[in-house]
Amino acid sequence: MLQSYSGHENTGYRLTNCFDNHDETVFSGSESSEIFQWDLVSGKVLKVFKGLHSRAVSSICFHPNDPAFVSSSYDGTCIYHEI
């Protein structure tokens, strides 16, 4: 295992994660309705995206070329977010 990533909440839902388009950071949803971004190598939290969803964030997919991702949530929404 390269690194352990902490800070997000994941106890009862299936949540997926992804790498950014340069394979430098890791993104994951959280049951707290937030999205976490970590440095791939150090495991340090770089950013926490708040207010995009109102329930657990179930999935994230990073755009292959642009600095943006789509997230989906158990609140029934999908959101495109540019970084």
Protein backbone atom coordinates (compact mmCIF):
# COMPACT_ATOMS: atom_id res chain seq x y z
CA MET A 1 0.00 0.00 0.00
CA LEU A 2 1.35 3.41 -0.99
CA GLN A 3 -0.48 5.52 1.57
CA SER A 4 -3.42 5.69 3.95
CA TYR A 5 -5.94 8.51 3.49
CA SER A 6 -7.97 9.73 6.45
CA GLY A 7 -10.39 12.45 7.45
CA HIS A 8 -13.42 11.32 5.52
CA GLU A 9 -16.31 9.36 6.98
CA ASN A 10 -17.09 5.90 5.57
CA THR A 11 -18.94 3.48 7.84
CA GLY A 12 -22.24 2.57 6.20
CA TYR A 13 -22.27 3.45 2.49
CA ARG A 14 -20.30 2.26 -0.52
CA LEU A 15 -18.15 5.19 -1.65
CA THR A 16 -15.80 5.25 -4.61
CA ASN A 17 -12.72 7.36 -5.21
CA CYS A 18 -10.54 8.46 -8.11
CA PHE A 19 -7.23 10.05 -9.09
CA ASP A 20 -6.95 13.45 -10.74
CA ASN A 21 -5.99 13.60 -14.43
CA HIS A 22 -2.26 13.82 -13.54
CA ASP A 23 -2.32 10.98 -10.96
CA GLU A 24 -1.05 13.37 -8.27
CA THR A 25 -4.04 13.54 -5.94
CA VAL A 26 -6.81 11.24 -4.71
CA PHE A 27 -10.46 12.27 -4.41
CA SER A 28 -13.12 10.55 -2.33
CA GLY A 29 -16.62 11.27 -1.17
CA SER A 30 -17.62 11.13 2.46
CA GLU A 31 -20.77 10.25 4.37
CA SER A 32 -20.53 13.77 5.81
CA SER A 33 -21.55 15.07 2.32
CA GLU A 34 -18.04 16.45 1.73
CA ILE A 35 -15.44 15.59 -0.91
CA PHE A 36 -11.83 15.13 0.17
CA GLN A 37 -8.70 15.68 -1.90
CA TRP A 38 -5.40 14.17 -0.69
CA ASP A 39 -1.86 14.32 -1.97
CA LEU A 40 -1.19 10.86 -3.43
CA VAL A 41 2.27 10.41 -1.93
CA SER A 42 2.09 12.17 1.46
CA GLY A 43 -1.57 11.41 2.26
CA LYS A 44 -2.05 15.02 3.43
CA VAL A 45 -5.54 16.52 2.97
CA LEU A 46 -5.21 19.26 0.37
CA LYS A 47 -8.81 20.43 0.21
CA VAL A 48 -12.27 19.58 1.52
CA PHE A 49 -15.14 20.55 -0.78
CA LYS A 50 -18.21 21.46 1.27
CA GLY A 51 -21.74 22.41 0.34
CA LEU A 52 -21.95 20.56 -2.98
CA HIS A 53 -24.22 17.79 -1.66
CA SER A 54 -26.57 17.28 1.28
CA ARG A 55 -26.01 13.54 1.82
CA ALA A 56 -23.19 11.01 1.43
CA VAL A 57 -21.13 11.46 -1.74
CA SER A 58 -21.14 8.06 -3.41
CA SER A 59 -18.99 8.50 -6.50
CA ILE A 60 -16.45 10.83 -8.10
CA CYS A 61 -15.03 10.82 -11.61
CA PHE A 62 -12.28 13.25 -12.64
CA HIS A 63 -12.32 14.80 -16.12
CA PRO A 64 -9.55 13.27 -18.28
CA ASN A 65 -8.26 16.64 -19.54
CA ASP A 66 -9.71 19.50 -17.51
CA PRO A 67 -9.31 20.36 -13.81
CA ALA A 68 -12.87 19.26 -12.97
CA PHE A 69 -14.85 16.33 -11.61
CA VAL A 70 -18.40 15.00 -11.47
CA SER A 71 -19.72 13.80 -8.13
CA SER A 72 -22.89 11.91 -7.32
CA SER A 73 -24.64 11.65 -4.00
CA TYR A 74 -27.32 9.74 -2.16
CA ASP A 75 -29.24 13.04 -2.22
CA GLY A 76 -30.04 12.19 -5.87
CA THR A 77 -27.83 14.83 -7.50
CA CYS A 78 -24.84 14.76 -9.84
CA ILE A 79 -22.66 17.88 -9.86
CA TYR A 80 -19.96 19.02 -12.28
CA HIS A 81 -17.37 21.04 -10.37
CA GLU A 82 -14.39 22.91 -11.80
CA ILE A 83 -11.38 23.23 -9.52
